[in-house]
Amino acid sequence: MTEPQKAPRRRRARKDDGKFQADNPATDVNEAWEPIEVADTLPKNDYAIKPKVKPQSNGGKYSQAPKVRPTFGKVTSTSN
């Protein structure tokens, strides 16, 4: 089986002032699109794995201390 030919990568052509370039119907070339160069392979980036968050004893979101439940006299709040 033969693989189909990939169409070349392209982008819209622009004029000097930034507006889109129109196609001229009198020519066989489509001036509205221009080809762009694409690298064959992208460079591989080495990503470091971040360490997991360790619980701390000084409070905060990940603390080991028990959560404080607010009390208002004899009225207490409970949550599930």
PDB file of N, CA and C in Angstrom:
ATOM      1  N   MET A   1       0.827  -1.189   0.000  1.00  0.00           N
ATOM      2  CA  MET A   1       0.000   0.000   0.000  1.00  0.00           C
ATOM      3  C   MET A   1       0.868   1.248   0.000  1.00  0.00           C
ATOM      4  N   THR A   2       0.495   2.229  -0.730  1.00  0.00           N
ATOM      5  CA  THR A   2       1.253   3.475  -0.746  1.00  0.00           C
ATOM      6  C   THR A   2       0.582   4.489   0.168  1.00  0.00           C
ATOM      7  N   GLU A   3       1.417   5.250   0.839  1.00  0.00           N
ATOM      8  CA  GLU A   3       0.883   6.284   1.737  1.00  0.00           C
ATOM      9  C   GLU A   3       0.554   7.527   0.920  1.00  0.00           C
ATOM     10  N   PRO A   4      -0.545   8.203   1.242  1.00  0.00           N
ATOM     11  CA  PRO A   4      -0.893   9.404   0.491  1.00  0.00           C
ATOM     12  C   PRO A   4       0.112  10.525   0.780  1.00  0.00           C
ATOM     13  N   GLN A   5       0.344  11.334  -0.231  1.00  0.00           N
ATOM     14  CA  GLN A   5       1.250  12.462  -0.076  1.00  0.00           C
ATOM     15  C   GLN A   5       0.628  13.489   0.868  1.00  0.00           C
ATOM     16  N   LYS A   6       1.438  13.960   1.824  1.00  0.00           N
ATOM     17  CA  LYS A   6       0.942  14.993   2.737  1.00  0.00           C
ATOM     18  C   LYS A   6       1.029  16.345   2.046  1.00  0.00           C
ATOM     19  N   ALA A   7       0.021  17.164   2.256  1.00  0.00           N
ATOM     20  CA  ALA A   7       0.038  18.508   1.704  1.00  0.00           C
ATOM     21  C   ALA A   7       1.060  19.335   2.473  1.00  0.00           C
ATOM     22  N   PRO A   8       1.771  20.220   1.805  1.00  0.00           N
ATOM     23  CA  PRO A   8       2.763  21.029   2.523  1.00  0.00           C
ATOM     24  C   PRO A   8       2.077  21.947   3.537  1.00  0.00           C
ATOM     25  N   ARG A   9       2.772  22.188   4.646  1.00  0.00           N
ATOM     26  CA  ARG A   9       2.223  23.086   5.651  1.00  0.00           C
ATOM     27  C   ARG A   9       2.196  24.501   5.073  1.00  0.00           C
ATOM     28  N   ARG A  10       1.175  25.248   5.431  1.00  0.00           N
ATOM     29  CA  ARG A  10       1.049  26.595   4.893  1.00  0.00           C
ATOM     30  C   ARG A  10       0.323  27.481   5.891  1.00  0.00           C
ATOM     31  N   ARG A  11       0.402  28.774   5.665  1.00  0.00           N
ATOM     32  CA  ARG A  11      -0.308  29.749   6.485  1.00  0.00           C
ATOM     33  C   ARG A  11      -0.767  30.890   5.588  1.00  0.00           C
ATOM     34  N   ARG A  12      -1.693  31.674   6.121  1.00  0.00           N
ATOM     35  CA  ARG A  12      -2.223  32.787   5.334  1.00  0.00           C
ATOM     36  C   ARG A  12      -1.150  33.834   5.103  1.00  0.00           C
ATOM     37  N   ALA A  13      -1.041  34.293   3.880  1.00  0.00           N
ATOM     38  CA  ALA A  13      -0.081  35.334   3.534  1.00  0.00           C
ATOM     39  C   ALA A  13      -0.640  36.679   3.979  1.00  0.00           C
ATOM     40  N   ARG A  14       0.248  37.538   4.418  1.00  0.00           N
ATOM     41  CA  ARG A  14      -0.159  38.867   4.880  1.00  0.00           C
ATOM     42  C   ARG A  14       0.579  39.949   4.114  1.00  0.00           C
ATOM     43  N   LYS A  15      -0.064  41.103   4.017  1.00  0.00           N
ATOM     44  CA  LYS A  15       0.558  42.267   3.405  1.00  0.00           C
ATOM     45  C   LYS A  15       1.504  42.911   4.419  1.00  0.00           C
ATOM     46  N   ASP A  16       2.198  43.980   3.995  1.00  0.00           N
ATOM     47  CA  ASP A  16       3.129  44.674   4.881  1.00  0.00           C
ATOM     48  C   ASP A  16       2.423  45.311   6.073  1.00  0.00           C
ATOM     49  N   ASP A  17       1.165  45.720   5.889  1.00  0.00           N
ATOM     50  CA  ASP A  17       0.449  46.371   6.988  1.00  0.00           C
ATOM     51  C   ASP A  17      -0.263  45.360   7.893  1.00  0.00           C
ATOM     52  N   GLY A  18      -0.127  44.062   7.623  1.00  0.00           N
ATOM     53  CA  GLY A  18      -0.690  43.039   8.495  1.00  0.00           C
ATOM     54  C   GLY A  18      -2.015  42.469   8.038  1.00  0.00           C
ATOM     55  N   LYS A  19      -2.607  43.030   7.018  1.00  0.00           N
ATOM     56  CA  LYS A  19      -3.878  42.513   6.502  1.00  0.00           C
ATOM     57  C   LYS A  19      -3.628  41.269   5.652  1.00  0.00           C
ATOM     58  N   PHE A  20      -4.653  40.445   5.494  1.00  0.00           N
ATOM     59  CA  PHE A  20      -4.522  39.238   4.691  1.00  0.00           C
ATOM     60  C   PHE A  20      -4.313  39.572   3.219  1.00  0.00           C
ATOM     61  N   GLN A  21      -3.459  38.789   2.554  1.00  0.00           N
ATOM     62  CA  GLN A  21      -3.227  38.924   1.123  1.00  0.00           C
ATOM     63  C   GLN A  21      -4.339  38.188   0.386  1.00  0.00           C
ATOM     64  N   ALA A  22      -4.901  38.812  -0.626  1.00  0.00           N
ATOM     65  CA  ALA A  22      -5.965  38.182  -1.412  1.00  0.00           C
ATOM     66  C   ALA A  22      -5.367  37.366  -2.549  1.00  0.00           C
ATOM     67  N   ASP A  23      -6.140  36.428  -3.065  1.00  0.00           N
ATOM     68  CA  ASP A  23      -5.724  35.608  -4.188  1.00  0.00           C
ATOM     69  C   ASP A  23      -6.033  36.344  -5.486  1.00  0.00           C
ATOM     70  N   ASN A  24      -5.121  36.271  -6.433  1.00  0.00           N
ATOM     71  CA  ASN A  24      -5.337  36.861  -7.748  1.00  0.00           C
ATOM     72  C   ASN A  24      -5.888  35.767  -8.650  1.00  0.00           C
ATOM     73  N   PRO A  25      -7.166  35.841  -9.064  1.00  0.00           N
ATOM     74  CA  PRO A  25      -7.752  34.770  -9.884  1.00  0.00           C
ATOM     75  C   PRO A  25      -7.151  34.681 -11.291  1.00  0.00           C
ATOM     76  N   ALA A  26      -6.409  35.684 -11.740  1.00  0.00           N
ATOM     77  CA  ALA A  26      -5.835  35.661 -13.080  1.00  0.00           C
ATOM     78  C   ALA A  26      -4.605  34.750 -13.154  1.00  0.00           C
ATOM     79  N   THR A  27      -4.029  34.387 -12.014  1.00  0.00           N
ATOM     80  CA  THR A  27      -2.841  33.530 -12.016  1.00  0.00           C
ATOM     81  C   THR A  27      -3.212  32.131 -11.528  1.00  0.00           C
ATOM     82  N   ASP A  28      -2.318  31.171 -11.825  1.00  0.00           N
ATOM     83  CA  ASP A  28      -2.546  29.801 -11.371  1.00  0.00           C
ATOM     84  C   ASP A  28      -2.077  29.585  -9.937  1.00  0.00           C
ATOM     85  N   VAL A  29      -1.255  30.473  -9.427  1.00  0.00           N
ATOM     86  CA  VAL A  29      -0.710  30.346  -8.071  1.00  0.00           C
ATOM     87  C   VAL A  29      -1.666  31.004  -7.088  1.00  0.00           C
ATOM     88  N   ASN A  30      -1.853  30.358  -5.956  1.00  0.00           N
ATOM     89  CA  ASN A  30      -2.708  30.925  -4.913  1.00  0.00           C
ATOM     90  C   ASN A  30      -1.848  31.812  -4.024  1.00  0.00           C
ATOM     91  N   GLU A  31      -1.960  33.124  -4.179  1.00  0.00           N
ATOM     92  CA  GLU A  31      -1.154  34.063  -3.419  1.00  0.00           C
ATOM     93  C   GLU A  31      -1.643  34.247  -1.993  1.00  0.00           C
ATOM     94  N   ALA A  32      -2.831  33.749  -1.677  1.00  0.00           N
ATOM     95  CA  ALA A  32      -3.396  33.936  -0.347  1.00  0.00           C
ATOM     96  C   ALA A  32      -2.722  33.046   0.686  1.00  0.00           C
ATOM     97  N   TRP A  33      -2.007  32.014   0.254  1.00  0.00           N
ATOM     98  CA  TRP A  33      -1.352  31.083   1.176  1.00  0.00           C
ATOM     99  C   TRP A  33       0.130  31.027   0.853  1.00  0.00           C
ATOM    100  N   GLU A  34       0.957  30.915   1.897  1.00  0.00           N
ATOM    101  CA  GLU A  34       2.392  30.783   1.709  1.00  0.00           C
ATOM    102  C   GLU A  34       2.891  29.551   2.461  1.00  0.00           C
ATOM    103  N   PRO A  35       3.834  28.812   1.893  1.00  0.00           N
ATOM    104  CA  PRO A  35       4.344  27.615   2.585  1.00  0.00           C
ATOM    105  C   PRO A  35       5.237  28.014   3.756  1.00  0.00           C
ATOM    106  N   ILE A  36       5.287  27.153   4.769  1.00  0.00           N
ATOM    107  CA  ILE A  36       6.169  27.387   5.905  1.00  0.00           C
ATOM    108  C   ILE A  36       7.050  26.170   6.102  1.00  0.00           C
ATOM    109  N   GLU A  37       8.213  26.381   6.681  1.00  0.00           N
ATOM    110  CA  GLU A  37       9.146  25.303   6.952  1.00  0.00           C
ATOM    111  C   GLU A  37       8.759  24.641   8.268  1.00  0.00           C
ATOM    112  N   VAL A  38       8.758  23.318   8.280  1.00  0.00           N
ATOM    113  CA  VAL A  38       8.442  22.568   9.480  1.00  0.00           C
ATOM    114  C   VAL A  38       9.624  21.665   9.787  1.00  0.00           C
ATOM    115  N   ALA A  39      10.071  21.682  11.024  1.00  0.00           N
ATOM    116  CA  ALA A  39      11.170  20.813  11.413  1.00  0.00           C
ATOM    117  C   ALA A  39      10.712  19.356  11.371  1.00  0.00           C
ATOM    118  N   ASP A  40      11.608  18.463  10.957  1.00  0.00           N
ATOM    119  CA  ASP A  40      11.247  17.051  10.866  1.00  0.00           C
ATOM    120  C   ASP A  40      10.945  16.477  12.248  1.00  0.00           C
ATOM    121  N   THR A  41      11.796  16.759  13.191  1.00  0.00           N
ATOM    122  CA  THR A  41      11.575  16.274  14.549  1.00  0.00           C
ATOM    123  C   THR A  41      11.726  17.441  15.515  1.00  0.00           C
ATOM    124  N   LEU A  42      10.941  17.418  16.527  1.00  0.00           N
ATOM    125  CA  LEU A  42      11.050  18.437  17.547  1.00  0.00           C
ATOM    126  C   LEU A  42      12.070  17.992  18.583  1.00  0.00           C
ATOM    127  N   PRO A  43      12.826  18.907  19.154  1.00  0.00           N
ATOM    128  CA  PRO A  43      13.794  18.504  20.166  1.00  0.00           C
ATOM    129  C   PRO A  43      13.080  18.003  21.418  1.00  0.00           C
ATOM    130  N   LYS A  44      13.659  16.980  22.027  1.00  0.00           N
ATOM    131  CA  LYS A  44      13.054  16.431  23.236  1.00  0.00           C
ATOM    132  C   LYS A  44      13.516  17.247  24.428  1.00  0.00           C
ATOM    133  N   ASN A  45      12.578  17.590  25.277  1.00  0.00           N
ATOM    134  CA  ASN A  45      12.894  18.332  26.486  1.00  0.00           C
ATOM    135  C   ASN A  45      12.971  17.369  27.648  1.00  0.00           C
ATOM    136  N   ASP A  46      13.941  17.561  28.506  1.00  0.00           N
ATOM    137  CA  ASP A  46      14.051  16.747  29.700  1.00  0.00           C
ATOM    138  C   ASP A  46      13.255  17.430  30.805  1.00  0.00           C
ATOM    139  N   TYR A  47      12.230  16.758  31.247  1.00  0.00           N
ATOM    140  CA  TYR A  47      11.398  17.303  32.295  1.00  0.00           C
ATOM    141  C   TYR A  47      11.717  16.605  33.603  1.00  0.00           C
ATOM    142  N   ALA A  48      11.873  17.384  34.638  1.00  0.00           N
ATOM    143  CA  ALA A  48      12.141  16.825  35.959  1.00  0.00           C
ATOM    144  C   ALA A  48      10.814  16.578  36.664  1.00  0.00           C
ATOM    145  N   ILE A  49      10.744  15.495  37.404  1.00  0.00           N
ATOM    146  CA  ILE A  49       9.537  15.181  38.155  1.00  0.00           C
ATOM    147  C   ILE A  49       9.601  15.919  39.477  1.00  0.00           C
ATOM    148  N   LYS A  50       8.574  16.685  39.760  1.00  0.00           N
ATOM    149  CA  LYS A  50       8.546  17.439  40.998  1.00  0.00           C
ATOM    150  C   LYS A  50       8.254  16.512  42.166  1.00  0.00           C
ATOM    151  N   PRO A  51       8.860  16.759  43.312  1.00  0.00           N
ATOM    152  CA  PRO A  51       8.569  15.915  44.473  1.00  0.00           C
ATOM    153  C   PRO A  51       7.151  16.163  44.970  1.00  0.00           C
ATOM    154  N   LYS A  52       6.582  15.135  45.581  1.00  0.00           N
ATOM    155  CA  LYS A  52       5.241  15.262  46.120  1.00  0.00           C
ATOM    156  C   LYS A  52       5.251  16.195  47.324  1.00  0.00           C
ATOM    157  N   VAL A  53       4.111  16.777  47.608  1.00  0.00           N
ATOM    158  CA  VAL A  53       3.988  17.672  48.753  1.00  0.00           C
ATOM    159  C   VAL A  53       3.978  16.832  50.017  1.00  0.00           C
ATOM    160  N   LYS A  54       4.864  17.172  50.928  1.00  0.00           N
ATOM    161  CA  LYS A  54       4.932  16.443  52.185  1.00  0.00           C
ATOM    162  C   LYS A  54       4.139  17.212  53.234  1.00  0.00           C
ATOM    163  N   PRO A  55       3.393  16.513  54.084  1.00  0.00           N
ATOM    164  CA  PRO A  55       2.639  17.208  55.111  1.00  0.00           C
ATOM    165  C   PRO A  55       3.576  17.877  56.110  1.00  0.00           C
ATOM    166  N   GLN A  56       3.163  19.043  56.574  1.00  0.00           N
ATOM    167  CA  GLN A  56       3.958  19.793  57.532  1.00  0.00           C
ATOM    168  C   GLN A  56       3.183  19.900  58.832  1.00  0.00           C
ATOM    169  N   SER A  57       3.905  20.070  59.906  1.00  0.00           N
ATOM    170  CA  SER A  57       3.246  20.127  61.208  1.00  0.00           C
ATOM    171  C   SER A  57       2.888  21.552  61.613  1.00  0.00           C
ATOM    172  N   ASN A  58       3.237  22.551  60.819  1.00  0.00           N
ATOM    173  CA  ASN A  58       2.995  23.937  61.214  1.00  0.00           C
ATOM    174  C   ASN A  58       1.697  24.509  60.655  1.00  0.00           C
ATOM    175  N   GLY A  59       0.770  23.678  60.258  1.00  0.00           N
ATOM    176  CA  GLY A  59      -0.522  24.145  59.776  1.00  0.00           C
ATOM    177  C   GLY A  59      -0.522  24.341  58.275  1.00  0.00           C
ATOM    178  N   GLY A  60      -1.599  24.857  57.778  1.00  0.00           N
ATOM    179  CA  GLY A  60      -1.719  25.066  56.352  1.00  0.00           C
ATOM    180  C   GLY A  60      -2.576  23.985  55.717  1.00  0.00           C
ATOM    181  N   LYS A  61      -2.622  23.975  54.417  1.00  0.00           N
ATOM    182  CA  LYS A  61      -3.497  23.070  53.685  1.00  0.00           C
ATOM    183  C   LYS A  61      -3.094  21.612  53.861  1.00  0.00           C
ATOM    184  N   TYR A  62      -1.796  21.334  53.934  1.00  0.00           N
ATOM    185  CA  TYR A  62      -1.324  19.961  53.997  1.00  0.00           C
ATOM    186  C   TYR A  62      -0.782  19.608  55.390  1.00  0.00           C
ATOM    187  N   SER A  63      -1.319  20.194  56.398  1.00  0.00           N
ATOM    188  CA  SER A  63      -0.788  19.967  57.740  1.00  0.00           C
ATOM    189  C   SER A  63      -1.242  18.623  58.293  1.00  0.00           C
ATOM    190  N   GLN A  64      -0.485  18.137  59.277  1.00  0.00           N
ATOM    191  CA  GLN A  64      -0.838  16.895  59.946  1.00  0.00           C
ATOM    192  C   GLN A  64      -1.717  17.171  61.157  1.00  0.00           C
ATOM    193  N   ALA A  65      -1.810  18.417  61.551  1.00  0.00           N
ATOM    194  CA  ALA A  65      -2.602  18.769  62.721  1.00  0.00           C
ATOM    195  C   ALA A  65      -4.084  18.585  62.407  1.00  0.00           C
ATOM    196  N   PRO A  66      -4.890  18.211  63.398  1.00  0.00           N
ATOM    197  CA  PRO A  66      -6.323  18.066  63.152  1.00  0.00           C
ATOM    198  C   PRO A  66      -6.947  19.419  62.838  1.00  0.00           C
ATOM    199  N   LYS A  67      -7.996  19.400  62.051  1.00  0.00           N
ATOM    200  CA  LYS A  67      -8.696  20.620  61.679  1.00  0.00           C
ATOM    201  C   LYS A  67      -9.471  21.155  62.872  1.00  0.00           C
ATOM    202  N   VAL A  68      -9.508  22.455  62.988  1.00  0.00           N
ATOM    203  CA  VAL A  68     -10.210  23.107  64.091  1.00  0.00           C
ATOM    204  C   VAL A  68     -11.637  23.364  63.645  1.00  0.00           C
ATOM    205  N   ARG A  69     -12.576  22.919  64.465  1.00  0.00           N
ATOM    206  CA  ARG A  69     -13.987  23.161  64.171  1.00  0.00           C
ATOM    207  C   ARG A  69     -14.464  24.335  64.993  1.00  0.00           C
ATOM    208  N   PRO A  70     -15.089  25.290  64.357  1.00  0.00           N
ATOM    209  CA  PRO A  70     -15.528  26.469  65.104  1.00  0.00           C
ATOM    210  C   PRO A  70     -16.703  26.131  66.030  1.00  0.00           C
ATOM    211  N   THR A  71     -16.670  26.723  67.197  1.00  0.00           N
ATOM    212  CA  THR A  71     -17.777  26.556  68.147  1.00  0.00           C
ATOM    213  C   THR A  71     -18.278  27.925  68.543  1.00  0.00           C
ATOM    214  N   PHE A  72     -19.559  28.034  68.742  1.00  0.00           N
ATOM    215  CA  PHE A  72     -20.186  29.284  69.159  1.00  0.00           C
ATOM    216  C   PHE A  72     -21.009  28.984  70.398  1.00  0.00           C
ATOM    217  N   GLY A  73     -20.344  28.998  71.548  1.00  0.00           N
ATOM    218  CA  GLY A  73     -21.041  28.652  72.783  1.00  0.00           C
ATOM    219  C   GLY A  73     -21.354  27.174  72.766  1.00  0.00           C
ATOM    220  N   LYS A  74     -22.644  26.833  72.878  1.00  0.00           N
ATOM    221  CA  LYS A  74     -23.047  25.441  72.864  1.00  0.00           C
ATOM    222  C   LYS A  74     -23.392  24.939  71.471  1.00  0.00           C
ATOM    223  N   VAL A  75     -23.371  25.835  70.481  1.00  0.00           N
ATOM    224  CA  VAL A  75     -23.688  25.461  69.107  1.00  0.00           C
ATOM    225  C   VAL A  75     -22.381  25.028  68.426  1.00  0.00           C
ATOM    226  N   THR A  76     -22.369  23.854  67.853  1.00  0.00           N
ATOM    227  CA  THR A  76     -21.192  23.376  67.125  1.00  0.00           C
ATOM    228  C   THR A  76     -21.590  23.066  65.684  1.00  0.00           C
ATOM    229  N   SER A  77     -20.621  23.103  64.843  1.00  0.00           N
ATOM    230  CA  SER A  77     -20.871  22.775  63.456  1.00  0.00           C
ATOM    231  C   SER A  77     -20.284  21.418  63.158  1.00  0.00           C
ATOM    232  N   THR A  78     -20.952  20.663  62.329  1.00  0.00           N
ATOM    233  CA  THR A  78     -20.445  19.362  61.915  1.00  0.00           C
ATOM    234  C   THR A  78     -20.454  19.310  60.401  1.00  0.00           C
ATOM    235  N   SER A  79     -19.523  18.548  59.863  1.00  0.00           N
ATOM    236  CA  SER A  79     -19.493  18.380  58.422  1.00  0.00           C
ATOM    237  C   SER A  79     -19.287  16.917  58.106  1.00  0.00           C
ATOM    238  N   ASN A  80     -19.724  16.504  56.951  1.00  0.00           N
ATOM    239  CA  ASN A  80     -19.600  15.104  56.559  1.00  0.00           C
ATOM    240  C   ASN A  80     -18.300  14.846  55.892  1.00  0.00           C
TER     241      ASN A  80
END
